[in-house]
Amino acid sequence: MDDILAKAQSALDAGRYAEALSWCDRAIAIDPNNENAWYGKGLALLNLNRAEASISCFNKVIEINPASITAWSSKGMAFSKLGRLKQAEKCYEKGKELEKNRTNRPAMELPPEFES
């Protein structure tokens, strides 16, 4: 499994999103509850301009790990790409809340389009 996820990550890093998607699907077939595989699949879909499909992947990560700051943030990016800014803001706010609670440090900054 680690080898498959490493290949998926390598493909993501190189911008080979269709290949990364394939590797993530293989990992999910082996372990349907693998948080990293679902997250990688969501990122690949988001970068393939399939934001709507990526949201369901980020939802799966959140189902597995409700405290995943990166999943909440990425879900916000997907909603933002779709022009659903209210939903995006809610996701970013949840990520900020989780980060603040986890680290006791100032939370991440909202993207400029959400600043007051």
N, C-alpha and C. Protein backbone atom coordinates (compact mmCIF):
# COMPACT_ATOMS: atom_id res chain seq x y z
N MET A 1 0.82 -1.20 0.00
CA MET A 1 0.00 0.00 0.00
C MET A 1 0.87 1.26 0.00
N ASP A 2 1.93 1.26 0.81
CA ASP A 2 2.80 2.44 0.86
C ASP A 2 3.39 2.76 -0.51
N ASP A 3 3.73 1.71 -1.27
CA ASP A 3 4.30 1.89 -2.60
C ASP A 3 3.27 2.55 -3.54
N ILE A 4 2.05 2.11 -3.46
CA ILE A 4 0.99 2.68 -4.31
C ILE A 4 0.76 4.15 -3.95
N LEU A 5 0.70 4.44 -2.66
CA LEU A 5 0.49 5.83 -2.24
C LEU A 5 1.69 6.70 -2.61
N ALA A 6 2.89 6.14 -2.55
CA ALA A 6 4.08 6.90 -2.95
C ALA A 6 4.03 7.23 -4.44
N LYS A 7 3.56 6.28 -5.25
CA LYS A 7 3.43 6.52 -6.69
C LYS A 7 2.35 7.58 -6.96
N ALA A 8 1.27 7.52 -6.20
CA ALA A 8 0.21 8.52 -6.34
C ALA A 8 0.75 9.91 -5.99
N GLN A 9 1.50 10.00 -4.89
CA GLN A 9 2.06 11.28 -4.47
C GLN A 9 3.05 11.81 -5.50
N SER A 10 3.87 10.92 -6.02
CA SER A 10 4.85 11.32 -7.04
C SER A 10 4.15 11.87 -8.29
N ALA A 11 3.07 11.21 -8.68
CA ALA A 11 2.31 11.68 -9.85
C ALA A 11 1.66 13.03 -9.55
N LEU A 12 1.12 13.20 -8.35
CA LEU A 12 0.53 14.49 -7.98
C LEU A 12 1.59 15.59 -8.02
N ASP A 13 2.74 15.31 -7.42
CA ASP A 13 3.81 16.30 -7.37
C ASP A 13 4.28 16.71 -8.77
N ALA A 14 4.23 15.76 -9.71
CA ALA A 14 4.68 16.01 -11.08
C ALA A 14 3.58 16.59 -11.97
N GLY A 15 2.39 16.76 -11.41
CA GLY A 15 1.29 17.31 -12.20
C GLY A 15 0.64 16.30 -13.12
N ARG A 16 0.89 15.02 -12.88
CA ARG A 16 0.27 13.95 -13.68
C ARG A 16 -0.99 13.47 -12.94
N TYR A 17 -2.03 14.29 -13.02
CA TYR A 17 -3.20 14.08 -12.18
C TYR A 17 -4.03 12.86 -12.57
N ALA A 18 -4.12 12.56 -13.85
CA ALA A 18 -4.87 11.37 -14.27
C ALA A 18 -4.17 10.11 -13.76
N GLU A 19 -2.85 10.11 -13.81
CA GLU A 19 -2.09 8.97 -13.29
C GLU A 19 -2.26 8.87 -11.78
N ALA A 20 -2.21 10.00 -11.09
CA ALA A 20 -2.39 10.01 -9.64
C ALA A 20 -3.77 9.46 -9.27
N LEU A 21 -4.77 9.86 -10.04
CA LEU A 21 -6.13 9.37 -9.82
C LEU A 21 -6.18 7.85 -9.92
N SER A 22 -5.51 7.31 -10.91
CA SER A 22 -5.47 5.86 -11.09
C SER A 22 -4.82 5.16 -9.90
N TRP A 23 -3.69 5.70 -9.42
CA TRP A 23 -3.02 5.12 -8.26
C TRP A 23 -3.89 5.21 -7.01
N CYS A 24 -4.55 6.33 -6.84
CA CYS A 24 -5.42 6.48 -5.67
C CYS A 24 -6.59 5.50 -5.72
N ASP A 25 -7.15 5.31 -6.90
CA ASP A 25 -8.24 4.34 -7.04
C ASP A 25 -7.76 2.93 -6.69
N ARG A 26 -6.54 2.60 -7.06
CA ARG A 26 -5.98 1.29 -6.70
C ARG A 26 -5.86 1.16 -5.18
N ALA A 27 -5.38 2.22 -4.54
CA ALA A 27 -5.22 2.19 -3.09
C ALA A 27 -6.58 2.06 -2.41
N ILE A 28 -7.58 2.78 -2.91
CA ILE A 28 -8.92 2.72 -2.33
C ILE A 28 -9.53 1.33 -2.49
N ALA A 29 -9.24 0.68 -3.62
CA ALA A 29 -9.74 -0.69 -3.83
C ALA A 29 -9.16 -1.65 -2.79
N ILE A 30 -7.94 -1.40 -2.36
CA ILE A 30 -7.30 -2.25 -1.35
C ILE A 30 -7.80 -1.89 0.05
N ASP A 31 -7.89 -0.59 0.33
CA ASP A 31 -8.31 -0.12 1.65
C ASP A 31 -9.27 1.06 1.48
N PRO A 32 -10.57 0.77 1.47
CA PRO A 32 -11.56 1.82 1.23
C PRO A 32 -11.61 2.91 2.31
N ASN A 33 -10.92 2.71 3.40
CA ASN A 33 -10.91 3.70 4.47
C ASN A 33 -9.55 4.38 4.62
N ASN A 34 -8.77 4.38 3.56
CA ASN A 34 -7.46 5.01 3.62
C ASN A 34 -7.60 6.50 3.37
N GLU A 35 -7.40 7.26 4.40
CA GLU A 35 -7.56 8.72 4.35
C GLU A 35 -6.66 9.35 3.28
N ASN A 36 -5.41 8.91 3.19
CA ASN A 36 -4.47 9.50 2.24
C ASN A 36 -4.87 9.22 0.79
N ALA A 37 -5.40 8.03 0.54
CA ALA A 37 -5.83 7.69 -0.82
C ALA A 37 -7.01 8.57 -1.24
N TRP A 38 -7.96 8.75 -0.35
CA TRP A 38 -9.11 9.60 -0.66
C TRP A 38 -8.70 11.05 -0.84
N TYR A 39 -7.77 11.51 0.00
CA TYR A 39 -7.31 12.89 -0.12
C TYR A 39 -6.58 13.10 -1.46
N GLY A 40 -5.71 12.16 -1.79
CA GLY A 40 -4.99 12.24 -3.07
C GLY A 40 -5.94 12.23 -4.25
N LYS A 41 -6.97 11.39 -4.16
CA LYS A 41 -7.95 11.34 -5.23
C LYS A 41 -8.68 12.68 -5.35
N GLY A 42 -9.03 13.25 -4.21
CA GLY A 42 -9.68 14.56 -4.23
C GLY A 42 -8.81 15.62 -4.86
N LEU A 43 -7.53 15.64 -4.51
CA LEU A 43 -6.61 16.62 -5.11
C LEU A 43 -6.46 16.41 -6.61
N ALA A 44 -6.35 15.15 -7.02
CA ALA A 44 -6.23 14.86 -8.45
C ALA A 44 -7.46 15.35 -9.19
N LEU A 45 -8.64 15.04 -8.67
CA LEU A 45 -9.88 15.48 -9.32
C LEU A 45 -9.98 17.00 -9.36
N LEU A 46 -9.61 17.64 -8.25
CA LEU A 46 -9.66 19.10 -8.20
C LEU A 46 -8.76 19.71 -9.28
N ASN A 47 -7.59 19.13 -9.46
CA ASN A 47 -6.65 19.63 -10.47
C ASN A 47 -7.03 19.23 -11.89
N LEU A 48 -7.92 18.28 -12.03
CA LEU A 48 -8.46 17.90 -13.34
C LEU A 48 -9.75 18.67 -13.64
N ASN A 49 -9.99 19.73 -12.86
CA ASN A 49 -11.18 20.57 -13.01
C ASN A 49 -12.47 19.78 -12.82
N ARG A 50 -12.41 18.84 -11.89
CA ARG A 50 -13.59 18.06 -11.52
C ARG A 50 -13.90 18.34 -10.05
N ALA A 51 -14.12 19.61 -9.76
CA ALA A 51 -14.29 20.07 -8.38
C ALA A 51 -15.47 19.39 -7.68
N GLU A 52 -16.57 19.24 -8.38
CA GLU A 52 -17.75 18.62 -7.76
C GLU A 52 -17.41 17.20 -7.29
N ALA A 53 -16.73 16.43 -8.11
CA ALA A 53 -16.35 15.07 -7.74
C ALA A 53 -15.34 15.07 -6.60
N SER A 54 -14.47 16.08 -6.57
CA SER A 54 -13.46 16.13 -5.51
C SER A 54 -14.10 16.33 -4.14
N ILE A 55 -15.22 17.03 -4.09
CA ILE A 55 -15.89 17.29 -2.82
C ILE A 55 -16.28 15.99 -2.13
N SER A 56 -16.77 15.02 -2.89
CA SER A 56 -17.16 13.75 -2.28
C SER A 56 -15.94 13.02 -1.71
N CYS A 57 -14.79 13.19 -2.34
CA CYS A 57 -13.56 12.59 -1.81
C CYS A 57 -13.15 13.27 -0.50
N PHE A 58 -13.20 14.59 -0.48
CA PHE A 58 -12.85 15.30 0.75
C PHE A 58 -13.86 14.99 1.85
N ASN A 59 -15.13 14.79 1.48
CA ASN A 59 -16.13 14.38 2.47
C ASN A 59 -15.77 13.01 3.07
N LYS A 60 -15.27 12.12 2.24
CA LYS A 60 -14.87 10.79 2.73
C LYS A 60 -13.70 10.93 3.71
N VAL A 61 -12.73 11.79 3.38
CA VAL A 61 -11.61 12.02 4.32
C VAL A 61 -12.16 12.54 5.64
N ILE A 62 -13.08 13.48 5.59
CA ILE A 62 -13.66 14.07 6.80
C ILE A 62 -14.46 13.03 7.57
N GLU A 63 -15.10 12.12 6.87
CA GLU A 63 -15.82 11.02 7.53
C GLU A 63 -14.82 10.14 8.29
N ILE A 64 -13.68 9.87 7.69
CA ILE A 64 -12.65 9.03 8.31
C ILE A 64 -11.95 9.80 9.43
N ASN A 65 -11.64 11.07 9.18
CA ASN A 65 -10.90 11.90 10.13
C ASN A 65 -11.52 13.30 10.16
N PRO A 66 -12.52 13.50 11.02
CA PRO A 66 -13.21 14.80 11.06
C PRO A 66 -12.29 15.98 11.38
N ALA A 67 -11.12 15.73 11.92
CA ALA A 67 -10.19 16.81 12.28
C ALA A 67 -9.15 17.08 11.20
N SER A 68 -9.37 16.59 9.98
CA SER A 68 -8.42 16.81 8.90
C SER A 68 -8.53 18.24 8.38
N ILE A 69 -7.60 19.07 8.81
CA ILE A 69 -7.58 20.47 8.39
C ILE A 69 -7.41 20.57 6.88
N THR A 70 -6.53 19.75 6.32
CA THR A 70 -6.27 19.82 4.88
C THR A 70 -7.51 19.43 4.08
N ALA A 71 -8.29 18.46 4.56
CA ALA A 71 -9.50 18.08 3.84
C ALA A 71 -10.53 19.21 3.86
N TRP A 72 -10.69 19.85 5.02
CA TRP A 72 -11.63 20.98 5.10
C TRP A 72 -11.20 22.11 4.19
N SER A 73 -9.90 22.41 4.20
CA SER A 73 -9.38 23.49 3.36
C SER A 73 -9.54 23.17 1.87
N SER A 74 -9.21 21.94 1.50
CA SER A 74 -9.33 21.53 0.09
C SER A 74 -10.78 21.50 -0.36
N LYS A 75 -11.67 21.08 0.53
CA LYS A 75 -13.09 21.12 0.21
C LYS A 75 -13.53 22.56 -0.02
N GLY A 76 -12.98 23.48 0.77
CA GLY A 76 -13.26 24.90 0.56
C GLY A 76 -12.77 25.38 -0.79
N MET A 77 -11.59 24.92 -1.20
CA MET A 77 -11.07 25.30 -2.52
C MET A 77 -11.99 24.79 -3.62
N ALA A 78 -12.48 23.56 -3.45
CA ALA A 78 -13.38 22.98 -4.46
C ALA A 78 -14.66 23.80 -4.58
N PHE A 79 -15.25 24.14 -3.44
CA PHE A 79 -16.46 24.97 -3.47
C PHE A 79 -16.16 26.33 -4.09
N SER A 80 -15.00 26.89 -3.79
CA SER A 80 -14.62 28.18 -4.34
C SER A 80 -14.51 28.10 -5.87
N LYS A 81 -13.89 27.03 -6.37
CA LYS A 81 -13.78 26.84 -7.83
C LYS A 81 -15.16 26.76 -8.49
N LEU A 82 -16.12 26.24 -7.76
CA LEU A 82 -17.47 26.11 -8.29
C LEU A 82 -18.29 27.40 -8.11
N GLY A 83 -17.67 28.40 -7.48
CA GLY A 83 -18.37 29.66 -7.25
C GLY A 83 -19.34 29.61 -6.08
N ARG A 84 -19.23 28.59 -5.27
CA ARG A 84 -20.12 28.42 -4.11
C ARG A 84 -19.39 28.96 -2.88
N LEU A 85 -19.30 30.28 -2.83
CA LEU A 85 -18.43 30.94 -1.86
C LEU A 85 -18.90 30.83 -0.42
N LYS A 86 -20.19 30.80 -0.18
CA LYS A 86 -20.69 30.63 1.20
C LYS A 86 -20.27 29.27 1.75
N GLN A 87 -20.41 28.22 0.93
CA GLN A 87 -20.00 26.89 1.37
C GLN A 87 -18.48 26.83 1.54
N ALA A 88 -17.76 27.49 0.64
CA ALA A 88 -16.30 27.52 0.75
C ALA A 88 -15.89 28.18 2.06
N GLU A 89 -16.52 29.31 2.37
CA GLU A 89 -16.18 30.03 3.60
C GLU A 89 -16.42 29.16 4.83
N LYS A 90 -17.52 28.41 4.85
CA LYS A 90 -17.80 27.53 5.99
C LYS A 90 -16.69 26.49 6.15
N CYS A 91 -16.21 25.96 5.05
CA CYS A 91 -15.13 24.97 5.11
C CYS A 91 -13.84 25.59 5.62
N TYR A 92 -13.51 26.77 5.11
CA TYR A 92 -12.30 27.46 5.57
C TYR A 92 -12.40 27.79 7.06
N GLU A 93 -13.56 28.23 7.49
CA GLU A 93 -13.76 28.54 8.90
C GLU A 93 -13.59 27.29 9.77
N LYS A 94 -14.12 26.17 9.30
CA LYS A 94 -13.96 24.91 10.05
C LYS A 94 -12.48 24.55 10.14
N GLY A 95 -11.74 24.71 9.06
CA GLY A 95 -10.31 24.44 9.07
C GLY A 95 -9.58 25.34 10.04
N LYS A 96 -9.94 26.62 10.05
CA LYS A 96 -9.33 27.57 10.98
C LYS A 96 -9.61 27.17 12.43
N GLU A 97 -10.85 26.78 12.69
CA GLU A 97 -11.24 26.37 14.04
C GLU A 97 -10.44 25.14 14.49
N LEU A 98 -10.33 24.17 13.60
CA LEU A 98 -9.58 22.95 13.93
C LEU A 98 -8.10 23.26 14.16
N GLU A 99 -7.54 24.12 13.32
CA GLU A 99 -6.13 24.46 13.47
C GLU A 99 -5.89 25.18 14.79
N LYS A 100 -6.76 26.12 15.11
CA LYS A 100 -6.61 26.86 16.36
C LYS A 100 -6.72 25.93 17.56
N ASN A 101 -7.69 25.03 17.53
CA ASN A 101 -7.88 24.09 18.64
C ASN A 101 -6.72 23.11 18.77
N ARG A 102 -6.15 22.73 17.65
CA ARG A 102 -5.08 21.74 17.66
C ARG A 102 -3.74 22.32 18.07
N THR A 103 -3.48 23.55 17.69
CA THR A 103 -2.14 24.07 17.86
C THR A 103 -2.00 25.18 18.88
N ASN A 104 -3.12 25.76 19.31
CA ASN A 104 -3.07 26.92 20.21
C ASN A 104 -2.24 28.06 19.65
N ARG A 105 -2.27 28.20 18.34
CA ARG A 105 -1.58 29.31 17.69
C ARG A 105 -2.58 29.99 16.76
N PRO A 106 -2.25 31.14 16.24
CA PRO A 106 -3.19 31.81 15.34
C PRO A 106 -3.57 30.89 14.18
N ALA A 107 -4.84 30.94 13.82
CA ALA A 107 -5.35 30.08 12.75
C ALA A 107 -4.85 30.54 11.39
N MET A 108 -4.98 29.66 10.40
CA MET A 108 -4.58 29.98 9.03
C MET A 108 -5.36 31.18 8.53
N GLU A 109 -4.81 31.84 7.56
CA GLU A 109 -5.47 32.99 6.96
C GLU A 109 -6.49 32.52 5.94
N LEU A 110 -7.61 33.23 5.88
CA LEU A 110 -8.59 32.97 4.83
C LEU A 110 -8.04 33.47 3.50
N PRO A 111 -8.41 32.82 2.39
CA PRO A 111 -8.05 33.37 1.09
C PRO A 111 -8.60 34.79 0.96
N PRO A 112 -7.94 35.65 0.16
CA PRO A 112 -8.31 37.08 0.09
C PRO A 112 -9.79 37.32 -0.23
N GLU A 113 -10.40 36.45 -1.01
CA GLU A 113 -11.80 36.71 -1.38
C GLU A 113 -12.76 36.59 -0.20
N PHE A 114 -12.27 36.07 0.95
CA PHE A 114 -13.14 35.90 2.12
C PHE A 114 -12.81 36.86 3.24
N GLU A 115 -11.82 37.72 3.04
CA GLU A 115 -11.47 38.68 4.07
C GLU A 115 -12.47 39.82 4.07
N SER A 116 -12.77 40.31 5.23
CA SER A 116 -13.75 41.42 5.36
C SER A 116 -13.14 42.73 4.99
